């Protein structure tokens, strides 16, 4: 009976960990909301102004690379945010475990 309970507990922990990563993503998006909105507004404004001033961007790859660069930076920031949150949870869990 004990082995079955341990297997169920391990399965439950895996499910909770998987669902917890979605919660971390929503927390990160809430934190970075205004930065993302500001980037999109400036990106769209510069794209429109390039059409008005010089009939389009100088190269096709320019706007694409700027957007991909922004996505890459956001990915790196999310990765560090996720590691920090997991470390906080692990530290808090350890503190309660000691009590």
Protein backbone atom coordinates (compact mmCIF):
# COMPACT_ATOMS: atom_id res chain seq x y z
CA UNK A 1 0.00 0.00 0.00
CA UNK A 2 2.82 2.38 0.79
CA UNK A 3 4.42 1.94 -2.63
CA UNK A 4 1.13 2.76 -4.34
CA UNK A 5 0.73 5.90 -2.27
CA UNK A 6 4.28 7.00 -3.11
CA UNK A 7 3.61 6.46 -6.83
CA UNK A 8 0.40 8.49 -6.59
CA UNK A 9 2.22 11.24 -4.71
CA UNK A 10 4.99 11.35 -7.34
CA UNK A 11 2.41 11.54 -10.13
CA UNK A 12 0.56 14.31 -8.30
CA UNK A 13 3.79 16.27 -7.78
CA UNK A 14 4.59 16.03 -11.50
CA UNK A 15 1.13 17.31 -12.43
CA UNK A 16 1.31 20.18 -9.95
CA UNK A 17 4.80 21.13 -11.18
CA UNK A 18 3.55 21.15 -14.81
CA UNK A 19 0.54 23.29 -13.93
CA UNK A 20 2.71 25.58 -11.83
CA UNK A 21 4.81 26.52 -14.85
CA UNK A 22 1.69 28.04 -16.45
CA UNK A 23 1.14 30.09 -13.32
CA UNK A 24 4.72 31.36 -13.51
CA UNK A 25 4.14 32.40 -17.14
CA UNK A 26 1.02 34.38 -16.22
CA UNK A 27 2.87 36.08 -13.35
CA UNK A 28 5.69 37.00 -15.72
CA UNK A 29 3.30 38.40 -18.31
CA UNK A 30 1.60 40.50 -15.64
CA UNK A 31 4.98 41.82 -14.54
CA UNK A 32 6.15 42.66 -18.07
CA UNK A 33 2.78 43.86 -19.40
CA UNK A 34 3.62 47.55 -19.77
CA UNK A 35 7.03 46.89 -21.30
CA UNK A 36 5.48 44.66 -23.96
CA UNK A 37 2.70 47.14 -24.71
CA UNK A 38 5.23 49.97 -25.01
CA UNK A 39 7.36 47.90 -27.40
CA UNK A 40 4.38 47.07 -29.62
CA UNK A 41 3.21 50.70 -29.77
CA UNK A 42 6.69 51.98 -30.68
CA UNK A 43 7.24 49.11 -33.14
CA UNK A 44 3.99 49.82 -34.96
CA UNK A 45 4.58 53.59 -34.93
CA UNK A 46 8.07 53.22 -36.39
CA UNK A 47 6.85 50.75 -39.00
CA UNK A 48 4.07 53.13 -40.12
CA UNK A 49 6.42 56.12 -40.11
CA UNK A 50 8.89 54.22 -42.30
CA UNK A 51 6.15 53.77 -44.91
CA UNK A 52 5.14 57.42 -44.68
CA UNK A 53 8.68 58.82 -44.87
CA UNK A 54 10.60 56.47 -47.16
CA UNK A 55 7.93 54.20 -48.71
CA UNK A 56 8.69 51.22 -46.48
CA UNK A 57 11.53 49.86 -44.41
CA UNK A 58 14.99 49.89 -45.98
CA UNK A 59 15.19 46.09 -45.81
CA UNK A 60 12.61 43.40 -45.30
CA UNK A 61 14.72 41.71 -42.65
CA UNK A 62 15.03 44.79 -40.43
CA UNK A 63 11.58 44.73 -38.77
CA UNK A 64 11.63 40.93 -38.60
CA UNK A 65 15.00 40.88 -36.86
CA UNK A 66 13.94 43.57 -34.40
CA UNK A 67 10.87 41.53 -33.46
CA UNK A 68 12.85 38.28 -33.19
CA UNK A 69 15.43 40.05 -31.05
CA UNK A 70 12.70 41.31 -28.75
CA UNK A 71 11.28 37.77 -28.48
CA UNK A 72 14.74 36.38 -27.68
CA UNK A 73 15.31 38.95 -24.94
CA UNK A 74 11.88 38.19 -23.47
CA UNK A 75 12.70 34.47 -23.50
CA UNK A 76 15.93 35.08 -21.58
CA UNK A 77 14.16 37.35 -19.09
CA UNK A 78 11.42 34.74 -18.59
CA UNK A 79 13.99 32.02 -18.02
CA UNK A 80 15.72 34.02 -15.27
CA UNK A 81 12.32 34.96 -13.77
CA UNK A 82 11.31 31.28 -13.73
CA UNK A 83 14.56 30.23 -12.04
CA UNK A 84 14.16 32.96 -9.42
CA UNK A 85 10.58 31.90 -8.68
CA UNK A 86 11.56 28.24 -8.37
CA UNK A 87 14.40 29.19 -6.01
CA UNK A 88 11.99 31.24 -3.90
CA UNK A 89 9.56 28.34 -3.69
CA UNK A 90 12.34 25.90 -2.85
CA UNK A 91 13.72 28.19 -0.13
CA UNK A 92 10.28 28.78 1.35
CA UNK A 93 9.56 25.08 1.30
CA UNK A 94 12.81 24.39 3.10
CA UNK A 95 12.05 26.97 5.78
CA UNK A 96 8.65 25.47 6.50
CA UNK A 97 10.08 21.99 6.43
CA UNK A 98 12.57 22.90 9.14
CA UNK A 99 9.84 24.23 11.43
